[in-house]
PDB file of N, CA and C in Angstrom:
ATOM      1  N   MET A   1     -20.476  25.861 -19.234  1.00  0.00           N
ATOM      2  CA  MET A   1     -21.676  25.324 -18.327  1.00  0.00           C
ATOM      3  C   MET A   1     -22.594  24.536 -19.317  1.00  0.00           C
ATOM      4  N   GLY A   2     -23.143  23.547 -18.974  1.00  0.00           N
ATOM      5  CA  GLY A   2     -24.289  22.749 -19.224  1.00  0.00           C
ATOM      6  C   GLY A   2     -25.759  23.478 -19.390  1.00  0.00           C
ATOM      7  N   LYS A   3     -26.609  22.580 -20.177  1.00  0.00           N
ATOM      8  CA  LYS A   3     -28.039  23.259 -20.178  1.00  0.00           C
ATOM      9  C   LYS A   3     -28.655  23.321 -18.894  1.00  0.00           C
ATOM     10  N   ILE A   4     -28.401  22.282 -17.978  1.00  0.00           N
ATOM     11  CA  ILE A   4     -28.974  22.052 -16.893  1.00  0.00           C
ATOM     12  C   ILE A   4     -28.608  23.184 -16.005  1.00  0.00           C
ATOM     13  N   GLU A   5     -27.447  23.017 -15.785  1.00  0.00           N
ATOM     14  CA  GLU A   5     -26.759  24.303 -15.006  1.00  0.00           C
ATOM     15  C   GLU A   5     -27.442  25.783 -15.279  1.00  0.00           C
ATOM     16  N   SER A   6     -27.467  25.847 -16.717  1.00  0.00           N
ATOM     17  CA  SER A   6     -27.777  27.144 -17.240  1.00  0.00           C
ATOM     18  C   SER A   6     -29.079  27.575 -16.822  1.00  0.00           C
ATOM     19  N   VAL A   7     -30.063  26.463 -16.690  1.00  0.00           N
ATOM     20  CA  VAL A   7     -31.702  26.459 -16.342  1.00  0.00           C
ATOM     21  C   VAL A   7     -31.589  26.819 -15.112  1.00  0.00           C
ATOM     22  N   GLU A   8     -30.713  26.095 -14.006  1.00  0.00           N
ATOM     23  CA  GLU A   8     -30.591  26.238 -12.696  1.00  0.00           C
ATOM     24  C   GLU A   8     -30.456  27.735 -12.459  1.00  0.00           C
ATOM     25  N   ARG A   9     -29.395  28.377 -12.841  1.00  0.00           N
ATOM     26  CA  ARG A   9     -29.201  29.635 -12.746  1.00  0.00           C
ATOM     27  C   ARG A   9     -30.053  30.714 -13.153  1.00  0.00           C
ATOM     28  N   GLU A  10     -31.038  30.403 -14.121  1.00  0.00           N
ATOM     29  CA  GLU A  10     -32.196  31.330 -14.650  1.00  0.00           C
ATOM     30  C   GLU A  10     -33.313  30.967 -13.530  1.00  0.00           C
ATOM     31  N   ILE A  11     -33.475  29.675 -13.227  1.00  0.00           N
ATOM     32  CA  ILE A  11     -34.373  29.477 -11.982  1.00  0.00           C
ATOM     33  C   ILE A  11     -34.166  30.431 -10.697  1.00  0.00           C
ATOM     34  N   GLU A  12     -32.916  30.397 -10.123  1.00  0.00           N
ATOM     35  CA  GLU A  12     -32.447  31.048  -9.207  1.00  0.00           C
ATOM     36  C   GLU A  12     -32.847  32.451  -9.345  1.00  0.00           C
ATOM     37  N   LYS A  13     -33.046  33.029 -10.236  1.00  0.00           N
ATOM     38  CA  LYS A  13     -33.295  34.483 -10.440  1.00  0.00           C
ATOM     39  C   LYS A  13     -34.973  34.722 -10.470  1.00  0.00           C
ATOM     40  N   PHE A  14     -35.864  33.817 -10.583  1.00  0.00           N
ATOM     41  CA  PHE A  14     -37.015  33.976 -10.670  1.00  0.00           C
ATOM     42  C   PHE A  14     -37.498  34.521  -9.281  1.00  0.00           C
ATOM     43  N   SER A  15     -38.842  35.504  -9.467  1.00  0.00           N
ATOM     44  CA  SER A  15     -39.413  35.899  -8.338  1.00  0.00           C
ATOM     45  C   SER A  15     -40.261  34.900  -7.498  1.00  0.00           C
ATOM     46  N   ALA A  16     -40.870  35.312  -6.598  1.00  0.00           N
ATOM     47  CA  ALA A  16     -41.630  33.974  -5.856  1.00  0.00           C
ATOM     48  C   ALA A  16     -42.750  33.697  -6.668  1.00  0.00           C
ATOM     49  N   GLU A  17     -43.289  34.658  -7.389  1.00  0.00           N
ATOM     50  CA  GLU A  17     -44.492  34.487  -8.338  1.00  0.00           C
ATOM     51  C   GLU A  17     -43.970  33.825  -9.549  1.00  0.00           C
ATOM     52  N   GLU A  18     -43.104  34.062 -10.226  1.00  0.00           N
ATOM     53  CA  GLU A  18     -42.486  33.161 -11.256  1.00  0.00           C
ATOM     54  C   GLU A  18     -41.992  31.892 -10.901  1.00  0.00           C
ATOM     55  N   LEU A  19     -41.497  31.809  -9.669  1.00  0.00           N
ATOM     56  CA  LEU A  19     -41.291  30.266  -9.310  1.00  0.00           C
ATOM     57  C   LEU A  19     -42.489  29.417  -9.247  1.00  0.00           C
ATOM     58  N   ALA A  20     -43.560  30.212  -8.595  1.00  0.00           N
ATOM     59  CA  ALA A  20     -45.051  29.456  -8.151  1.00  0.00           C
ATOM     60  C   ALA A  20     -45.293  28.811  -9.740  1.00  0.00           C
ATOM     61  N   ALA A  21     -45.333  30.226 -10.811  1.00  0.00           N
ATOM     62  CA  ALA A  21     -45.798  29.757 -11.994  1.00  0.00           C
ATOM     63  C   ALA A  21     -44.878  28.528 -12.753  1.00  0.00           C
ATOM     64  N   PHE A  22     -43.671  28.414 -12.443  1.00  0.00           N
ATOM     65  CA  PHE A  22     -42.879  27.646 -13.322  1.00  0.00           C
ATOM     66  C   PHE A  22     -43.184  26.129 -12.564  1.00  0.00           C
ATOM     67  N   ARG A  23     -43.266  26.179 -11.237  1.00  0.00           N
ATOM     68  CA  ARG A  23     -43.568  25.104 -10.483  1.00  0.00           C
ATOM     69  C   ARG A  23     -44.906  24.055 -10.916  1.00  0.00           C
ATOM     70  N   SER A  24     -45.944  25.111 -11.285  1.00  0.00           N
ATOM     71  CA  SER A  24     -47.076  24.656 -11.625  1.00  0.00           C
ATOM     72  C   SER A  24     -46.965  24.078 -13.284  1.00  0.00           C
ATOM     73  N   TRP A  25     -46.237  24.764 -13.903  1.00  0.00           N
ATOM     74  CA  TRP A  25     -46.188  24.389 -15.189  1.00  0.00           C
ATOM     75  C   TRP A  25     -45.579  23.123 -15.344  1.00  0.00           C
ATOM     76  N   PHE A  26     -44.365  22.983 -14.414  1.00  0.00           N
ATOM     77  CA  PHE A  26     -43.304  21.800 -14.529  1.00  0.00           C
ATOM     78  C   PHE A  26     -44.308  20.769 -14.044  1.00  0.00           C
ATOM     79  N   ALA A  27     -45.073  20.694 -13.141  1.00  0.00           N
ATOM     80  CA  ALA A  27     -45.838  19.699 -12.346  1.00  0.00           C
ATOM     81  C   ALA A  27     -46.698  19.101 -13.616  1.00  0.00           C
ATOM     82  N   GLU A  28     -47.248  19.834 -14.472  1.00  0.00           N
ATOM     83  CA  GLU A  28     -47.925  19.565 -15.447  1.00  0.00           C
ATOM     84  C   GLU A  28     -47.248  19.011 -16.634  1.00  0.00           C
ATOM     85  N   PHE A  29     -46.243  19.714 -17.014  1.00  0.00           N
ATOM     86  CA  PHE A  29     -45.328  18.857 -18.026  1.00  0.00           C
ATOM     87  C   PHE A  29     -44.795  17.546 -17.607  1.00  0.00           C
ATOM     88  N   ASP A  30     -44.274  17.266 -16.372  1.00  0.00           N
ATOM     89  CA  ASP A  30     -43.701  16.164 -15.779  1.00  0.00           C
ATOM     90  C   ASP A  30     -44.975  14.978 -15.984  1.00  0.00           C
ATOM     91  N   ALA A  31     -46.076  15.496 -15.320  1.00  0.00           N
ATOM     92  CA  ALA A  31     -47.377  14.297 -15.503  1.00  0.00           C
ATOM     93  C   ALA A  31     -47.594  13.915 -16.978  1.00  0.00           C
ATOM     94  N   LEU A  32     -47.415  14.910 -17.841  1.00  0.00           N
ATOM     95  CA  LEU A  32     -48.078  14.680 -19.178  1.00  0.00           C
ATOM     96  C   LEU A  32     -46.732  13.721 -19.629  1.00  0.00           C
ATOM     97  N   SER A  33     -45.683  13.986 -19.252  1.00  0.00           N
ATOM     98  CA  SER A  33     -44.481  13.291 -19.836  1.00  0.00           C
ATOM     99  C   SER A  33     -44.682  11.826 -19.401  1.00  0.00           C
ATOM    100  N   TRP A  34     -44.890  11.531 -17.997  1.00  0.00           N
ATOM    101  CA  TRP A  34     -44.995  10.417 -17.360  1.00  0.00           C
ATOM    102  C   TRP A  34     -46.098   9.614 -18.095  1.00  0.00           C
ATOM    103  N   ASP A  35     -47.098  10.420 -18.285  1.00  0.00           N
ATOM    104  CA  ASP A  35     -48.479   9.628 -18.956  1.00  0.00           C
ATOM    105  C   ASP A  35     -48.169   9.061 -20.331  1.00  0.00           C
ATOM    106  N   GLN A  36     -47.291   9.936 -20.957  1.00  0.00           N
ATOM    107  CA  GLN A  36     -46.891   9.343 -22.412  1.00  0.00           C
ATOM    108  C   GLN A  36     -46.034   8.148 -22.549  1.00  0.00           C
ATOM    109  N   GLN A  37     -45.046   8.408 -21.504  1.00  0.00           N
ATOM    110  CA  GLN A  37     -44.050   6.940 -21.307  1.00  0.00           C
ATOM    111  C   GLN A  37     -44.986   5.786 -20.969  1.00  0.00           C
ATOM    112  N   PHE A  38     -46.113   5.904 -19.828  1.00  0.00           N
ATOM    113  CA  PHE A  38     -46.808   4.872 -19.600  1.00  0.00           C
ATOM    114  C   PHE A  38     -47.613   4.335 -20.609  1.00  0.00           C
ATOM    115  N   GLU A  39     -48.318   4.996 -21.432  1.00  0.00           N
ATOM    116  CA  GLU A  39     -48.961   4.887 -22.544  1.00  0.00           C
ATOM    117  C   GLU A  39     -48.091   3.850 -23.745  1.00  0.00           C
ATOM    118  N   ARG A  40     -46.845   4.680 -24.078  1.00  0.00           N
ATOM    119  CA  ARG A  40     -45.998   3.803 -24.738  1.00  0.00           C
ATOM    120  C   ARG A  40     -45.665   2.509 -24.236  1.00  0.00           C
ATOM    121  N   ASP A  41     -45.359   2.421 -22.898  1.00  0.00           N
ATOM    122  CA  ASP A  41     -44.954   0.898 -22.061  1.00  0.00           C
ATOM    123  C   ASP A  41     -46.359   0.161 -22.244  1.00  0.00           C
ATOM    124  N   VAL A  42     -47.364   0.382 -22.080  1.00  0.00           N
ATOM    125  CA  VAL A  42     -48.533  -0.417 -22.202  1.00  0.00           C
ATOM    126  C   VAL A  42     -48.729  -0.961 -23.739  1.00  0.00           C
ATOM    127  N   ALA A  43     -48.565   0.111 -24.760  1.00  0.00           N
ATOM    128  CA  ALA A  43     -48.710  -0.433 -25.868  1.00  0.00           C
ATOM    129  C   ALA A  43     -47.644  -1.225 -26.544  1.00  0.00           C
ATOM    130  N   SER A  44     -46.514  -0.952 -26.077  1.00  0.00           N
ATOM    131  CA  SER A  44     -45.476  -2.005 -26.568  1.00  0.00           C
ATOM    132  C   SER A  44     -45.503  -3.378 -25.716  1.00  0.00           C
ATOM    133  N   GLY A  45     -46.264  -3.443 -24.554  1.00  0.00           N
ATOM    134  CA  GLY A  45     -46.501  -4.985 -23.954  1.00  0.00           C
ATOM    135  C   GLY A  45     -45.423  -4.990 -22.720  1.00  0.00           C
ATOM    136  N   LYS A  46     -44.788  -3.855 -22.429  1.00  0.00           N
ATOM    137  CA  LYS A  46     -43.789  -3.929 -21.344  1.00  0.00           C
ATOM    138  C   LYS A  46     -44.487  -4.199 -19.835  1.00  0.00           C
ATOM    139  N   LEU A  47     -45.783  -4.006 -19.915  1.00  0.00           N
ATOM    140  CA  LEU A  47     -46.331  -4.165 -18.565  1.00  0.00           C
ATOM    141  C   LEU A  47     -47.216  -5.430 -18.480  1.00  0.00           C
ATOM    142  N   ASP A  48     -47.219  -6.165 -19.734  1.00  0.00           N
ATOM    143  CA  ASP A  48     -48.043  -7.357 -19.592  1.00  0.00           C
ATOM    144  C   ASP A  48     -47.845  -8.429 -18.536  1.00  0.00           C
ATOM    145  N   LYS A  49     -46.362  -8.340 -18.325  1.00  0.00           N
ATOM    146  CA  LYS A  49     -45.916  -9.376 -17.160  1.00  0.00           C
ATOM    147  C   LYS A  49     -46.446  -9.013 -15.896  1.00  0.00           C
ATOM    148  N   PHE A  50     -46.583  -7.669 -15.946  1.00  0.00           N
ATOM    149  CA  PHE A  50     -47.253  -7.278 -14.326  1.00  0.00           C
ATOM    150  C   PHE A  50     -48.688  -7.776 -14.153  1.00  0.00           C
ATOM    151  N   ALA A  51     -49.302  -7.408 -15.320  1.00  0.00           N
ATOM    152  CA  ALA A  51     -51.076  -7.543 -15.288  1.00  0.00           C
ATOM    153  C   ALA A  51     -51.286  -9.113 -15.151  1.00  0.00           C
ATOM    154  N   ASP A  52     -50.273  -9.802 -16.000  1.00  0.00           N
ATOM    155  CA  ASP A  52     -50.367 -11.423 -15.821  1.00  0.00           C
ATOM    156  C   ASP A  52     -50.316 -11.845 -14.320  1.00  0.00           C
ATOM    157  N   GLU A  53     -49.235 -11.183 -13.668  1.00  0.00           N
ATOM    158  CA  GLU A  53     -48.952 -11.594 -12.237  1.00  0.00           C
ATOM    159  C   GLU A  53     -50.314 -11.300 -11.439  1.00  0.00           C
ATOM    160  N   VAL A  54     -50.632  -9.992 -11.853  1.00  0.00           N
ATOM    161  CA  VAL A  54     -51.805  -9.982 -10.715  1.00  0.00           C
ATOM    162  C   VAL A  54     -52.939 -10.444 -11.195  1.00  0.00           C
ATOM    163  N   GLN A  55     -53.232 -10.831 -12.296  1.00  0.00           N
ATOM    164  CA  GLN A  55     -54.584 -11.580 -12.654  1.00  0.00           C
ATOM    165  C   GLN A  55     -54.473 -12.989 -12.074  1.00  0.00           C
ATOM    166  N   ALA A  56     -53.174 -13.565 -12.031  1.00  0.00           N
ATOM    167  CA  ALA A  56     -52.816 -14.878 -11.453  1.00  0.00           C
ATOM    168  C   ALA A  56     -53.270 -14.919  -9.729  1.00  0.00           C
ATOM    169  N   GLU A  57     -52.463 -13.770  -9.182  1.00  0.00           N
ATOM    170  CA  GLU A  57     -52.891 -13.710  -7.735  1.00  0.00           C
ATOM    171  C   GLU A  57     -54.369 -13.480  -7.609  1.00  0.00           C
ATOM    172  N   LEU A  58     -55.278 -12.645  -8.359  1.00  0.00           N
ATOM    173  CA  LEU A  58     -56.455 -12.642  -8.191  1.00  0.00           C
ATOM    174  C   LEU A  58     -57.217 -13.888  -8.129  1.00  0.00           C
ATOM    175  N   ARG A  59     -57.084 -14.609  -9.234  1.00  0.00           N
ATOM    176  CA  ARG A  59     -57.462 -15.905  -9.369  1.00  0.00           C
ATOM    177  C   ARG A  59     -57.430 -17.199  -8.476  1.00  0.00           C
ATOM    178  N   ALA A  60     -56.079 -16.611  -7.855  1.00  0.00           N
ATOM    179  CA  ALA A  60     -55.453 -17.582  -6.488  1.00  0.00           C
ATOM    180  C   ALA A  60     -56.011 -16.998  -5.285  1.00  0.00           C
ATOM    181  N   GLY A  61     -56.762 -16.071  -5.269  1.00  0.00           N
ATOM    182  CA  GLY A  61     -57.595 -15.608  -3.895  1.00  0.00           C
ATOM    183  C   GLY A  61     -56.459 -14.706  -3.289  1.00  0.00           C
ATOM    184  N   LYS A  62     -55.384 -14.501  -3.651  1.00  0.00           N
ATOM    185  CA  LYS A  62     -54.529 -13.694  -2.803  1.00  0.00           C
ATOM    186  C   LYS A  62     -54.362 -12.237  -2.671  1.00  0.00           C
ATOM    187  N   CYS A  63     -55.766 -11.725  -3.171  1.00  0.00           N
ATOM    188  CA  CYS A  63     -55.934 -10.428  -2.936  1.00  0.00           C
ATOM    189  C   CYS A  63     -57.056 -10.136  -2.391  1.00  0.00           C
ATOM    190  N   ARG A  64     -57.294  -9.063  -1.668  1.00  0.00           N
ATOM    191  CA  ARG A  64     -58.495  -8.472  -0.651  1.00  0.00           C
ATOM    192  C   ARG A  64     -58.699  -7.048  -1.236  1.00  0.00           C
ATOM    193  N   ASP A  65     -59.980  -6.895  -0.994  1.00  0.00           N
ATOM    194  CA  ASP A  65     -60.627  -5.231  -1.089  1.00  0.00           C
ATOM    195  C   ASP A  65     -59.915  -4.532  -0.169  1.00  0.00           C
ATOM    196  N   LEU A  66     -59.814  -3.209  -0.672  1.00  0.00           N
ATOM    197  CA  LEU A  66     -59.151  -2.222   0.027  1.00  0.00           C
ATOM    198  C   LEU A  66     -60.112  -1.466   0.842  1.00  0.00           C
TER     199      LEU A  66
END
């Protein structure tokens, strides 16, 4: 049995309160992981192409306020 399957089996044993606590913890953990990846992507320049496209569309008047 792999790690994921082992974790799944343990989670299935959680009480409702434990599951709620785990869900809350995982949501925070996942959000932090995503934020860290986003920051690495910004720092490495991976998103520069998209920012340039947005700036060009703004200058061309192709955007409107929401």
